[in-house]
């Protein structure tokens, strides 16, 4: 059976699923339901990248059942939770069975994807997204520096989330890759300037915020939008 009786994957960073529903919220709702039922040991709810079925979303996939759901709405989540996750009975009306193996994308009008990590507002067209690295190139709970089209950035890996910021501390140009974070606060160890990990805003004695870049994950790859840079502001 594997590590979990039920392993659920919600597409939160594919090309179209995040534009067709608030899939980040889907994850929160399902996790809350699993926790309320006391099934955290048996059930795992994960965010995931593109399933290469773009246009059929929002999509949710169950393993080991190999059940795929398409067009899932927020109003369907309670039924998915009670019937399938807790009851073991798939919701047949939501099943996805295109009869075509492999990738099965359809042409849809693509809205700009919401940024993940730094809240930088609307992002640019898909051509502005530049590949940075593989997800596994940044250690869990680690920080690593990369150069993307001449721009030095750091990618911060915090649990299931990743964030991208300017590479150098605004204080004395020390690489933030040499710093640390606790999942909420990024600290430059040179003079202990601290920054909010989600907004780049300065904290404590820091006199300036960090420039952050919208980041998204697709499958095992990390991309940033250099054109969407926003500098975090203090309170």
Protein backbone atom coordinates (compact mmCIF):
# COMPACT_ATOMS: atom_id res chain seq x y z
CA UNK A 1 0.00 0.00 0.00
CA UNK A 2 2.95 2.33 0.44
CA UNK A 3 3.46 5.01 3.07
CA UNK A 4 -0.16 6.26 2.96
CA UNK A 5 -3.52 4.61 2.47
CA UNK A 6 -4.52 7.62 0.40
CA UNK A 7 -2.13 10.08 -1.28
CA UNK A 8 -3.85 13.08 -2.87
CA UNK A 9 -2.19 15.48 -5.33
CA UNK A 10 -3.73 18.88 -6.10
CA UNK A 11 -2.36 20.80 -9.09
CA UNK A 12 -1.42 24.21 -7.68
CA UNK A 13 1.23 25.37 -10.15
CA UNK A 14 0.33 24.01 -13.58
CA UNK A 15 -0.37 26.18 -16.60
CA UNK A 16 -4.13 26.46 -16.16
CA UNK A 17 -5.39 24.76 -12.99
CA UNK A 18 -4.54 27.72 -10.71
CA UNK A 19 -6.46 30.02 -13.10
CA UNK A 20 -9.55 27.81 -13.00
CA UNK A 21 -9.92 27.64 -9.23
CA UNK A 22 -8.26 28.61 -5.96
CA UNK A 23 -6.29 25.37 -5.79
CA UNK A 24 -4.13 26.59 -2.90
CA UNK A 25 -7.36 26.86 -0.90
CA UNK A 26 -8.38 23.37 -2.05
CA UNK A 27 -5.25 22.02 -0.37
CA UNK A 28 -6.00 23.87 2.87
CA UNK A 29 -9.63 22.67 2.94
CA UNK A 30 -8.70 19.03 2.34
CA UNK A 31 -5.87 19.10 4.88
CA UNK A 32 -8.18 20.62 7.48
CA UNK A 33 -10.76 17.90 6.82
CA UNK A 34 -8.16 15.15 7.15
CA UNK A 35 -6.86 16.64 10.38
CA UNK A 36 -10.37 17.00 11.83
CA UNK A 37 -10.99 13.32 11.03
CA UNK A 38 -7.73 12.32 12.74
CA UNK A 39 -6.41 10.69 9.58
CA UNK A 40 -3.07 12.54 9.22
CA UNK A 41 -1.10 9.30 9.50
CA UNK A 42 -3.10 7.54 6.79
CA UNK A 43 -3.75 10.36 4.34
CA UNK A 44 -1.35 12.81 2.68
CA UNK A 45 -2.49 15.91 0.77
CA UNK A 46 0.22 17.34 -1.49
CA UNK A 47 0.56 20.32 -3.79
CA UNK A 48 1.95 19.40 -7.17
CA UNK A 49 2.91 20.83 -10.53
CA UNK A 50 1.42 20.29 -13.95
CA UNK A 51 -0.19 16.95 -14.86
CA UNK A 52 0.06 17.90 -18.59
CA UNK A 53 -3.72 17.82 -18.89
CA UNK A 54 -4.06 21.61 -19.10
CA UNK A 55 -7.55 22.98 -19.69
CA UNK A 56 -9.34 20.21 -17.81
CA UNK A 57 -8.77 21.67 -14.36
CA UNK A 58 -8.79 22.18 -11.57
CA UNK A 59 -7.43 18.65 -11.25
CA UNK A 60 -6.91 16.33 -8.30
CA UNK A 61 -5.29 12.88 -8.50
CA UNK A 62 -5.54 10.02 -5.98
CA UNK A 63 -3.01 7.24 -5.46
CA UNK A 64 -2.76 4.28 -5.11
CA UNK A 65 -6.32 4.31 -6.51
CA UNK A 66 -5.15 5.99 -9.76
CA UNK A 67 -8.32 8.08 -9.78
CA UNK A 68 -8.17 11.43 -11.58
CA UNK A 69 -10.70 14.21 -11.06
CA UNK A 70 -11.26 17.10 -13.49
CA UNK A 71 -13.18 20.35 -13.24
CA UNK A 72 -13.19 20.21 -9.46
CA UNK A 73 -14.95 23.14 -7.82
CA UNK A 74 -14.65 24.29 -4.23
CA UNK A 75 -18.20 23.06 -3.64
CA UNK A 76 -17.05 19.51 -4.56
CA UNK A 77 -14.40 19.29 -1.84
CA UNK A 78 -16.69 18.14 0.99
CA UNK A 79 -17.95 15.27 -1.16
CA UNK A 80 -14.42 14.31 -2.21
CA UNK A 81 -13.36 14.35 1.43
CA UNK A 82 -16.27 12.37 2.84
CA UNK A 83 -16.80 9.94 -0.02
CA UNK A 84 -13.31 9.22 -1.32
CA UNK A 85 -10.69 10.30 1.20
CA UNK A 86 -12.55 9.06 4.27
CA UNK A 87 -14.98 6.58 2.72
CA UNK A 88 -12.88 5.04 -0.04
CA UNK A 89 -15.60 5.62 -2.67
CA UNK A 90 -14.55 7.69 -5.71
CA UNK A 91 -16.85 10.51 -6.81
CA UNK A 92 -17.80 9.13 -10.21
CA UNK A 93 -19.29 12.34 -11.60
CA UNK A 94 -15.90 14.05 -11.32
CA UNK A 95 -13.78 11.25 -12.78
CA UNK A 96 -11.41 12.20 -15.59
CA UNK A 97 -11.12 9.57 -18.31
CA UNK A 98 -10.11 11.18 -21.63
CA UNK A 99 -9.21 7.88 -23.25
CA UNK A 100 -5.93 9.40 -24.39
CA UNK A 101 -2.75 8.26 -22.63
CA UNK A 102 -0.03 10.73 -21.72
CA UNK A 103 -0.27 14.49 -22.16
CA UNK A 104 -3.73 15.71 -23.12
CA UNK A 105 -3.79 19.50 -23.19
CA UNK A 106 -6.55 21.56 -24.75
CA UNK A 107 -6.35 25.15 -25.93
CA UNK A 108 -7.84 27.55 -23.43
CA UNK A 109 -7.43 31.24 -22.84
CA UNK A 110 -4.62 31.29 -20.30
CA UNK A 111 -4.86 33.90 -17.59
CA UNK A 112 -1.69 35.03 -15.90
CA UNK A 113 -0.72 32.57 -13.20
CA UNK A 114 -0.78 33.80 -9.60
CA UNK A 115 2.68 34.14 -8.15
CA UNK A 116 3.82 31.72 -5.51
CA UNK A 117 6.00 32.85 -2.68
CA UNK A 118 6.44 36.62 -2.94
CA UNK A 119 3.13 38.42 -3.34
CA UNK A 120 4.10 40.51 -6.32
CA UNK A 121 0.67 41.07 -7.82
CA UNK A 122 -0.20 40.07 -11.40
CA UNK A 123 2.55 38.32 -13.30
CA UNK A 124 3.52 38.79 -16.90
CA UNK A 125 2.92 36.42 -19.82
CA UNK A 126 4.30 32.92 -19.67
CA UNK A 127 7.34 33.93 -21.75
CA UNK A 128 8.61 36.00 -18.80
CA UNK A 129 9.04 32.88 -16.65
CA UNK A 130 12.67 31.78 -16.63
CA UNK A 131 13.94 28.41 -15.44
CA UNK A 132 16.14 28.55 -12.35
CA UNK A 133 16.88 25.00 -11.25
CA UNK A 134 15.42 21.67 -10.24
CA UNK A 135 13.57 21.61 -6.94
CA UNK A 136 16.04 19.13 -5.48
CA UNK A 137 18.96 21.46 -6.19
CA UNK A 138 17.92 23.51 -3.16
CA UNK A 139 18.19 21.46 0.01
CA UNK A 140 15.11 21.13 2.21
CA UNK A 141 15.01 24.21 4.46
CA UNK A 142 18.05 25.52 2.60
CA UNK A 143 19.03 28.59 0.58
CA UNK A 144 21.01 28.59 -2.66
CA UNK A 145 22.20 31.29 -5.04
CA UNK A 146 21.65 31.17 -8.82
CA UNK A 147 22.19 33.50 -11.76
CA UNK A 148 19.23 33.86 -14.13
CA UNK A 149 19.88 35.86 -17.31
CA UNK A 150 22.49 37.95 -15.53
CA UNK A 151 20.44 38.50 -12.36
CA UNK A 152 21.72 36.96 -9.13
CA UNK A 153 18.96 35.55 -6.93
CA UNK A 154 18.60 33.21 -3.98
CA UNK A 155 15.96 30.49 -3.82
CA UNK A 156 14.73 29.65 -0.33
CA UNK A 157 13.23 26.20 0.29
CA UNK A 158 10.78 26.30 3.21
CA UNK A 159 8.82 23.08 3.62
CA UNK A 160 6.46 22.79 0.65
CA UNK A 161 7.01 26.43 -0.36
CA UNK A 162 9.84 28.16 -2.20
CA UNK A 163 10.70 31.85 -2.47
CA UNK A 164 13.03 33.92 -4.63
CA UNK A 165 14.84 37.13 -3.62
CA UNK A 166 17.78 39.29 -4.61
CA UNK A 167 20.99 37.44 -3.87
CA UNK A 168 22.75 40.08 -1.77
CA UNK A 169 21.74 41.57 1.55
CA UNK A 170 20.93 45.28 1.05
CA UNK A 171 23.14 46.12 4.03
CA UNK A 172 26.68 45.20 2.94
CA UNK A 173 26.24 43.05 -0.17
CA UNK A 174 26.73 39.73 1.62
CA UNK A 175 25.15 36.72 -0.11
CA UNK A 176 21.90 35.70 1.55
CA UNK A 177 22.76 32.12 0.61
CA UNK A 178 25.05 32.24 3.64
CA UNK A 179 22.12 33.13 5.88
CA UNK A 180 19.46 31.05 7.61
CA UNK A 181 15.68 30.95 7.86
CA UNK A 182 13.07 29.37 10.12
CA UNK A 183 10.26 29.16 7.58
CA UNK A 184 9.05 32.66 8.41
CA UNK A 185 12.08 34.93 8.79
CA UNK A 186 15.22 35.11 6.63
CA UNK A 187 18.33 36.22 8.55
CA UNK A 188 21.59 37.51 7.10
CA UNK A 189 24.27 36.30 9.51
CA UNK A 190 26.71 39.10 8.70
CA UNK A 191 24.94 41.75 10.81
CA UNK A 192 21.67 39.92 11.64
CA UNK A 193 19.41 41.91 9.36
CA UNK A 194 16.11 40.03 9.08
CA UNK A 195 13.37 39.91 6.46
CA UNK A 196 9.87 38.50 6.18
CA UNK A 197 10.19 35.34 4.10
CA UNK A 198 6.87 35.86 2.31
CA UNK A 199 7.03 39.55 1.49
CA UNK A 200 10.70 40.52 1.75
CA UNK A 201 9.73 43.27 4.19
CA UNK A 202 12.43 44.41 6.64
CA UNK A 203 12.12 43.25 10.26
CA UNK A 204 13.79 44.46 13.44
CA UNK A 205 16.88 46.54 12.73
CA UNK A 206 16.82 46.03 8.97
CA UNK A 207 16.51 49.39 7.23
CA UNK A 208 15.57 48.11 3.78
CA UNK A 209 13.54 45.27 2.35
CA UNK A 210 14.43 42.60 -0.19
CA UNK A 211 13.51 42.57 -3.84
CA UNK A 212 11.47 39.43 -4.41
CA UNK A 213 10.50 37.64 -7.59
CA UNK A 214 7.34 35.64 -8.34
CA UNK A 215 8.25 31.95 -8.24
CA UNK A 216 6.41 28.90 -9.44
CA UNK A 217 7.10 25.19 -9.56
CA UNK A 218 6.17 22.93 -12.44
CA UNK A 219 6.77 19.27 -11.76
CA UNK A 220 10.40 19.20 -10.55
CA UNK A 221 11.44 22.56 -12.05
CA UNK A 222 11.60 26.05 -10.52
CA UNK A 223 10.85 29.21 -12.53
CA UNK A 224 10.94 32.93 -11.67
CA UNK A 225 9.54 36.02 -13.34
CA UNK A 226 12.31 38.61 -13.29
CA UNK A 227 9.92 41.24 -14.65
CA UNK A 228 7.65 40.89 -11.62
CA UNK A 229 10.20 42.12 -9.06
CA UNK A 230 8.78 43.90 -6.00
CA UNK A 231 10.70 45.25 -3.02
CA UNK A 232 9.28 44.48 0.41
CA UNK A 233 8.25 47.51 2.45
CA UNK A 234 8.35 47.99 6.20
CA UNK A 235 5.31 48.68 8.34
